[in-house]
């Protein structure tokens, strides 16, 4: 379903912003009045949203590292090696060692 932008033409109040976004089908009538504050609205023609950045791009090793996240890949049963992430993150994770540490701390 497309996202449409509407601009208040004669002021706005409450939780409203000057430009609001609404989801509705192409066949649906355009809003003429704000559903929240009841002030008049006018549909705005705007640039289409950028959809070029896929989930694959967002979850890339480079992007995850840039944002401070670590990514681990399974190397064998219960063992994981760091594929990307900050240098202070451990280079490997071991399920048994993590379970033992949690048990020692009293965490279930």
Foldseek 3Di string as FASTA:
>chain_A
DDKWKKAFDPDFDDPDDRIDIDDDDPPDDDAQADPPGRGGIDTDDDDDDDPPCDVCNCPDQVNCQVVAHWDWDDPDVQKTATPHGDPPDDRMGGNVVVVVVCVVVVHD
